[in-house]
Protein backbone atom coordinates (compact mmCIF):
# COMPACT_ATOMS: atom_id res chain seq x y z
CA MET A 1 14.41 9.26 22.21
CA LYS A 2 16.31 6.85 20.51
CA LYS A 3 12.70 5.39 20.54
CA GLU A 4 11.48 8.59 18.80
CA THR A 5 14.52 8.34 16.92
CA PHE A 6 13.27 4.78 15.60
CA LEU A 7 10.05 5.25 14.53
CA VAL A 8 11.52 8.83 12.54
CA HIS A 9 13.42 7.43 10.81
CA LEU A 10 11.08 3.84 10.39
CA SER A 11 8.11 5.69 9.51
CA ALA A 12 10.50 7.60 6.54
CA LEU A 13 11.54 4.03 5.27
CA LEU A 14 8.21 2.68 5.16
CA SER A 15 6.39 5.70 3.32
CA MET A 16 9.53 5.42 0.83
CA PHE A 17 8.55 1.42 0.38
CA PHE A 18 4.76 2.17 -0.56
CA TRP A 19 6.25 4.60 -2.83
CA GLY A 20 8.54 2.31 -3.87
CA MET A 21 5.92 -0.67 -4.32
CA SER A 22 3.05 1.04 -5.66
CA TYR A 23 4.91 0.90 -9.51
CA VAL A 24 4.98 -2.75 -8.73
CA TRP A 25 0.74 -3.01 -8.11
CA SER A 26 -0.61 -0.43 -10.47
CA LYS A 27 1.73 -3.03 -13.10
CA GLN A 28 -0.29 -5.30 -12.38
CA VAL A 29 -3.03 -3.18 -12.05
CA PHE A 30 -2.76 -1.92 -15.43
CA GLU A 31 -3.17 -5.54 -16.64
CA VAL A 32 -6.91 -5.53 -16.63
CA LEU A 33 -8.09 -1.50 -16.20
CA GLN A 34 -6.53 1.52 -18.10
CA PRO A 35 -4.13 3.84 -15.85
CA ALA A 36 -7.09 6.78 -15.64
CA SER A 37 -9.31 3.88 -14.42
CA THR A 38 -6.53 2.73 -11.95
CA VAL A 39 -5.92 5.88 -10.39
CA PHE A 40 -9.90 6.95 -10.26
CA ILE A 41 -10.34 3.59 -8.50
CA ARG A 42 -7.49 4.43 -5.93
CA LEU A 43 -8.69 7.98 -5.29
CA ILE A 44 -11.91 6.89 -4.30
CA ILE A 45 -10.49 4.63 -2.42
CA SER A 46 -8.17 7.20 -0.68
CA SER A 47 -10.72 9.47 0.30
CA VAL A 48 -12.64 7.48 1.96
CA PHE A 49 -9.95 6.27 4.04
CA LEU A 50 -8.15 9.30 4.69
CA PHE A 51 -11.67 11.25 6.09
CA LEU A 52 -12.75 8.47 8.01
CA VAL A 53 -8.96 9.29 9.58
CA LEU A 54 -9.75 12.72 10.02
CA LYS A 55 -13.09 11.72 11.93
CA ILE A 56 -11.69 9.49 14.10
CA LEU A 57 -8.81 11.29 15.24
CA ARG A 58 -10.87 14.15 14.79
CA LYS A 59 -8.77 16.35 12.86
CA THR A 60 -11.40 17.68 9.74
CA GLU A 61 -11.07 21.22 9.61
CA HIS A 62 -13.42 23.44 7.35
CA ILE A 63 -12.29 24.80 4.07
CA LYS A 64 -12.82 28.54 3.52
CA ARG A 65 -14.21 30.02 0.47
CA LYS A 66 -11.80 32.37 -0.57
CA HIS A 67 -9.40 28.95 -0.62
CA ILE A 68 -11.46 26.93 -2.77
CA GLY A 69 -10.03 28.30 -6.55
CA MET A 70 -6.93 27.15 -4.83
CA PHE A 71 -7.41 23.71 -4.09
CA LEU A 72 -9.17 23.36 -7.74
CA VAL A 73 -6.21 24.72 -9.16
CA SER A 74 -3.31 22.72 -6.74
CA SER A 75 -5.62 19.92 -7.97
CA LEU A 76 -5.55 19.81 -11.57
CA PHE A 77 -1.58 19.79 -10.89
CA ASN A 78 -1.77 16.73 -8.30
CA PRO A 79 -3.48 14.47 -8.60
CA PHE A 80 -4.64 15.20 -11.75
CA PHE A 81 -2.15 15.82 -14.68
CA TYR A 82 0.63 14.38 -11.89
CA PHE A 83 -0.81 11.08 -11.95
CA MET A 84 -2.14 11.13 -15.27
CA GLY A 85 1.38 11.25 -16.06
CA GLU A 86 3.13 8.81 -14.42
CA SER A 87 0.68 5.94 -14.53
CA PHE A 88 0.19 6.60 -18.48
CA GLY A 89 4.42 6.29 -18.69
CA LEU A 90 4.06 3.83 -16.53
CA ASN A 91 1.83 1.64 -18.59
CA LEU A 92 4.67 2.71 -21.43
CA ALA A 93 8.26 1.95 -19.39
CA SER A 94 9.48 -0.05 -16.82
CA PRO A 95 8.39 0.16 -13.56
CA THR A 96 11.87 0.79 -12.14
CA VAL A 97 12.88 3.49 -14.88
CA SER A 98 9.64 4.67 -13.76
CA ALA A 99 10.84 6.08 -10.63
CA VAL A 100 13.96 6.33 -12.24
CA ILE A 101 12.44 9.45 -13.61
CA ILE A 102 9.71 10.53 -11.21
CA ALA A 103 12.67 10.69 -8.98
CA THR A 104 13.96 13.86 -10.05
CA ILE A 105 11.52 15.33 -9.28
CA PRO A 106 14.16 17.08 -6.29
CA VAL A 107 16.76 17.66 -8.69
CA PHE A 108 14.57 19.72 -11.17
CA MET A 109 13.40 21.74 -7.56
CA PRO A 110 15.76 24.10 -7.48
CA VAL A 111 16.05 24.75 -11.20
CA PHE A 112 12.45 25.44 -10.96
CA ALA A 113 12.39 28.10 -7.99
CA TYR A 114 15.68 30.11 -10.33
CA MET A 115 13.04 30.37 -13.32
CA LEU A 116 10.56 31.47 -11.39
CA LEU A 117 11.08 32.99 -8.13
CA LYS A 118 14.73 34.28 -9.56
CA GLU A 119 16.80 31.74 -6.85
CA LYS A 120 20.34 31.08 -7.37
CA LEU A 121 21.37 27.70 -7.96
CA GLY A 122 24.14 26.78 -5.96
CA PHE A 123 26.80 25.45 -7.71
CA VAL A 124 27.00 21.77 -6.15
CA ASN A 125 23.26 22.03 -6.76
CA VAL A 126 24.14 22.70 -11.15
CA ILE A 127 26.36 19.27 -10.89
CA GLY A 128 23.59 16.76 -9.11
CA LEU A 129 21.19 18.21 -11.95
CA ILE A 130 24.24 17.00 -14.52
CA VAL A 131 24.21 13.63 -12.50
CA SER A 132 21.11 13.01 -12.37
CA PHE A 133 20.31 13.31 -16.21
CA LEU A 134 23.03 11.21 -16.94
CA GLY A 135 21.64 8.51 -14.91
CA VAL A 136 18.38 8.89 -16.54
CA LEU A 137 19.99 8.66 -20.04
CA VAL A 138 21.99 5.77 -19.25
CA MET A 139 18.85 3.92 -17.97
CA ILE A 140 16.27 5.19 -21.03
CA ILE A 141 19.40 5.30 -24.27
CA GLN A 142 20.06 1.32 -24.95
CA ARG A 143 23.99 1.03 -26.40
CA ASP A 144 22.76 1.19 -29.51
CA TYR A 145 21.27 4.59 -29.54
CA THR A 146 17.91 2.94 -29.66
CA LEU A 147 15.47 3.94 -26.44
CA THR A 148 14.45 1.87 -23.76
CA ALA A 149 10.74 2.72 -23.53
CA SER A 150 8.34 4.01 -25.75
CA PRO A 151 8.85 8.03 -26.17
CA LYS A 152 5.46 9.26 -25.60
CA GLY A 153 5.85 7.02 -21.78
CA ILE A 154 9.06 9.25 -21.28
CA LEU A 155 7.76 12.14 -22.12
CA TYR A 156 4.09 11.19 -20.06
CA LEU A 157 6.95 10.52 -17.10
CA PHE A 158 8.70 14.27 -17.53
CA GLY A 159 5.30 15.74 -17.85
CA ALA A 160 4.58 14.08 -14.23
CA VAL A 161 7.57 15.18 -13.08
CA ALA A 162 6.76 18.77 -14.54
CA SER A 163 3.41 18.77 -13.05
CA ALA A 164 4.64 17.55 -9.91
CA LEU A 165 7.57 20.59 -9.35
CA VAL A 166 4.12 23.16 -10.40
CA TYR A 167 2.19 21.58 -7.38
CA GLY A 168 5.22 22.29 -5.07
CA ILE A 169 5.12 25.81 -5.60
CA LEU A 170 1.28 26.02 -4.94
CA LEU A 171 0.87 23.83 -2.20
CA LYS A 172 2.97 26.16 0.30
CA LYS A 173 0.29 28.17 0.16
CA LEU A 174 -1.81 25.88 1.32
CA THR A 175 0.25 24.88 3.76
CA LEU A 176 0.14 28.17 5.15
CA ASN A 177 -3.79 27.33 6.06
CA TYR A 178 -4.22 23.52 6.33
CA LYS A 179 -3.03 21.00 8.06
CA PRO A 180 -1.23 17.83 5.37
CA LEU A 181 -3.94 15.46 6.29
CA THR A 182 -6.80 17.67 4.94
CA ILE A 183 -4.75 19.44 1.60
CA VAL A 184 -4.46 15.46 0.93
CA TRP A 185 -8.13 14.26 1.50
CA VAL A 186 -9.79 17.65 -0.32
CA GLN A 187 -7.21 17.44 -3.42
CA ASN A 188 -7.99 13.27 -3.56
CA SER A 189 -11.33 13.87 -3.49
CA ILE A 190 -11.79 17.05 -6.23
CA GLY A 191 -9.15 14.57 -8.64
CA ILE A 192 -12.44 12.73 -8.54
CA PHE A 193 -14.28 14.53 -10.40
CA TYR A 194 -11.34 15.94 -12.31
CA PHE A 195 -10.52 11.52 -13.46
CA LEU A 196 -14.18 10.78 -14.02
CA PRO A 197 -15.01 12.54 -17.39
CA VAL A 198 -12.07 10.97 -18.64
CA VAL A 199 -12.77 7.23 -17.28
CA LEU A 200 -16.72 7.60 -18.91
CA LEU A 201 -15.10 8.80 -22.27
CA PHE A 202 -12.17 6.87 -23.03
CA GLU A 203 -12.48 3.86 -20.26
CA THR A 204 -15.75 3.04 -19.97
CA GLU A 205 -15.51 -0.07 -22.18
CA SER A 206 -12.69 -1.91 -20.90
CA LEU A 207 -13.68 -0.56 -17.16
CA SER A 208 -17.30 -2.80 -16.75
CA ASN A 209 -15.34 -5.79 -19.12
CA ALA A 210 -12.71 -5.75 -16.46
CA VAL A 211 -12.63 -8.98 -14.28
CA PHE A 212 -12.54 -7.42 -10.47
CA SER A 213 -10.23 -10.77 -9.07
CA PHE A 214 -9.01 -10.46 -5.36
CA ASN A 215 -5.52 -9.71 -7.14
CA LEU A 216 -6.86 -7.00 -8.70
CA LEU A 217 -9.11 -5.46 -5.99
CA SER A 218 -6.16 -6.32 -2.96
CA ASN A 219 -3.66 -4.29 -5.62
CA LEU A 220 -6.01 -1.68 -5.97
CA LEU A 221 -6.31 -1.14 -1.90
CA LEU A 222 -2.65 -1.60 -1.51
CA LEU A 223 -2.64 1.57 -4.00
CA GLY A 224 -5.37 3.61 -2.19
CA VAL A 225 -5.09 3.09 1.48
CA PHE A 226 -0.34 1.91 1.61
CA ALA A 227 0.52 4.43 -1.70
CA SER A 228 -1.74 7.18 -1.89
CA SER A 229 -3.03 7.87 2.52
CA LEU A 230 -0.32 6.06 4.90
CA ALA A 231 2.78 6.85 3.08
CA PHE A 232 1.79 10.62 3.04
CA VAL A 233 0.91 10.04 6.69
CA PHE A 234 4.43 8.80 7.22
CA PHE A 235 6.22 10.99 4.98
CA THR A 236 4.19 14.23 6.71
CA PHE A 237 5.56 13.07 10.06
CA THR A 238 9.30 12.21 9.57
CA VAL A 239 9.17 16.25 8.28
CA SER A 240 7.68 17.23 11.28
CA LYS A 241 10.59 15.90 13.65
CA ILE A 242 13.35 16.43 11.03
CA GLY A 243 12.63 18.70 8.12
CA ILE A 244 11.90 18.66 4.17
CA ALA A 245 15.55 18.71 3.16
CA ARG A 246 16.70 15.70 5.57
CA THR A 247 13.67 13.84 4.33
CA ASN A 248 13.57 14.27 0.61
CA ILE A 249 17.14 12.31 1.30
CA TYR A 250 14.92 9.49 1.38
CA THR A 251 13.62 9.34 -1.89
CA ASN A 252 16.06 8.12 -3.10
CA LEU A 253 14.98 4.64 -1.77
CA ILE A 254 12.33 4.87 -4.65
CA PRO A 255 13.89 3.66 -7.10
CA VAL A 256 16.09 0.82 -5.13
CA PHE A 257 12.34 -0.47 -3.90
CA THR A 258 10.73 -0.53 -7.37
CA ALA A 259 13.41 -2.05 -8.95
CA PHE A 260 14.35 -5.13 -6.25
CA PHE A 261 10.86 -5.90 -5.63
CA SER A 262 10.05 -6.35 -9.72
CA TYR A 263 12.66 -8.08 -10.16
CA PHE A 264 11.08 -10.29 -7.29
CA LEU A 265 7.89 -9.83 -8.37
CA LEU A 266 7.44 -9.01 -12.20
CA GLY A 267 10.61 -10.36 -13.38
CA GLU A 268 11.56 -7.82 -14.92
CA ILE A 269 15.46 -7.62 -15.25
CA ILE A 270 17.78 -5.41 -13.89
CA THR A 271 20.83 -5.05 -15.99
CA PHE A 272 23.86 -3.38 -15.70
CA ASP A 273 22.81 -0.21 -17.12
CA LYS A 274 19.85 0.25 -14.54
CA ILE A 275 22.17 -0.63 -11.63
CA LEU A 276 24.47 2.24 -12.81
CA GLY A 277 21.57 4.92 -14.13
CA ILE A 278 20.29 4.13 -10.39
CA THR A 279 23.26 4.97 -8.96
CA LEU A 280 23.76 8.51 -10.80
CA VAL A 281 20.18 9.00 -9.57
CA ILE A 282 20.09 8.76 -6.64
CA ILE A 283 24.45 10.67 -6.31
CA GLY A 284 22.37 13.68 -7.99
CA VAL A 285 19.42 14.13 -5.74
CA ILE A 286 22.05 13.78 -2.94
CA LEU A 287 23.90 16.38 -4.59
CA SER A 288 20.68 19.14 -5.64
CA GLN A 289 20.29 18.58 -1.51
CA LYS A 290 23.85 20.15 -0.59
CA ARG A 291 23.30 23.89 0.67
CA LYS A 292 26.95 25.26 0.34
CA LYS A 293 27.95 28.96 0.14
CA LEU A 294 29.13 28.74 -3.39
CA THR A 295 26.25 29.69 -5.86
CA PHE A 296 26.12 29.59 -9.86
CA ASP A 297 24.41 32.17 -11.58
CA LEU A 298 23.14 30.62 -14.98
CA LYS A 299 23.17 33.68 -16.64
CA THR A 300 26.82 35.64 -16.22
CA LYS A 301 27.70 31.54 -16.14
CA LYS A 302 30.19 32.71 -12.77
CA LEU A 303 30.66 30.94 -9.85
CA TYR A 304 29.93 33.54 -6.73
CA GLU A 305 30.17 33.26 -2.31
C-alpha cells in the first residue's frame, strides 16, 4: 500500500517536473527554431512515441466515424490554438512568467463553467481567482507600471489559457468513449496537419536554415517524449488513483520547477516580485480547488449556503 502511494505521488511529481521543464527546453529550442516549427516537430516525435507505446501495450482503439468531428474540433483548441498561444507567448516572455500565467487554468475553469453551464461559483473559488490574478499582475507589471514582458506575449499566453478552457469541456465528451492515451495520440497526430500550413507559409526558410545540433535535437526529444508524452501518462495514472481535484493541486509546482531551473540553466533573474507572484498564484490555485457549501452568485452578488 505504501509502495503504491509512493508511486502515485512520484508519478505526479514527475509529470509536473516534465511540464515545468518544458518551458526551459522550449526557450533553448527557440534560439534556433521558431515556435510553430518547434511544436510541429514536437508533435511528430510525440505521435510516433505514443503510437509505439499503444502498439507495444496492445491498447490501440478504433475511432468511430461519428467521433471524427469531435476529434478535429478538440485538436483545433489543443494542441493547435493552445500551443500557438503558449509557444509564441513563451518566445516573447520569460519561462517563469509564462508558466505562472498557464498555471491559472485551474483557477479560471470554475468561471468558465459558470458562464457556460450556469454553475454557481464557490465563495472560496472567487477569492482564489482574485488572489491568482493579483499574483499574475505582480509578475507582469513592474513598480514603474511598465510590463515585464511583451504585451503581445502576454496576450498569446492568455489565449492559450482560453483555449485550454474550451478544450477541457470538449475533452470530457471524448473521455467517455476513449482511453487517455488514444485521445492524446489522435489529437497530436491531427495537430501535425494543423501546424503544417503555418510552418510552410511562415517558417520554411528558418527551418531549412536551422542547424540541428546535438543540443537542439536533445531538447526536441525531451519535449516530444517527456513533456508531450510521458508527462501525460504519469498525470493520467495519478488521476486514476487520487482523482482530478487532488491531482490538480500538484500543478502548483509547475512554475516553481520552471523558475528554479530557469535560474540555473538559463540564468533568468528571480526577483522578489516573481517569488511573490508565484506564491500568490499557488495560493489562488489551491483556493480554487476547494469545495465549500458557501457559494457566491455573480448575478445577485450574494452568498448562498
